[in-house]
Amino acid sequence: MDQQSLRARQAPLKDRYRTDPQSALITLRAHGALGEGVTCSVETGRALVEAGLHPATGGSGMAACSGDMLLQALVACAGVTMNAVATALAIDVRGRVSAEGDLDFRGTLGVAKDVPVGFRDVRLRFDIVSSAPPDQLEKLRQLTERYCVVYQTLKSSPAITVSLAARGDDGQTSA
């Protein structure tokens, strides 16, 4: 997609969102089913992914680790965002995106109550090839960071609610 095509596709959306801000509010959903053993099958829209325990928590390594999937989502979003921004700015860019994160599994396994559960540090890296000058590449990095949904979500930690609806084997809902 080139700069003109991207602008042509996005212009009517931007106009609609300016005149009707409510139309820009979209709810994305993810679904999964509890699986055999300690797994959960997640519907991705393209394929079914079976997620399971990381080997550091007793998993076999045969199922996808949800921590890896989180980093993969960050890489995918950052890569798509960088490509879109580069297209909008008419910057030729190619290369790779990578993310890595540090976890201390003592927290996840409840071995040390003072150790947080989750990633301590996450590093996102772009290794690119481009003929653009350094100031344009810095603008590209800044705008990618600004508009990457997954990056901004991780950085800003939105409010999350958890609910549980339970039924017995007889189909009756319990309180």
Foldseek 3Di string as FASTA:
>chain_A
DAQVVLCVVCVVVVVCCVVPVVVVDDDDDKDWDCDPDAWIWTDPVVDIFIEGDDVVQPDPNPGHHVLVVLQVLQQVLLVVLLVSLCRNVVWDKDFGKGKDFDADCCQVNVVDVVGHGDTPDMDIDTDMDTPDDPVVVVVSVVSSCVPRPSNCCVVVVDDDDDDDWDADPVRHTDD
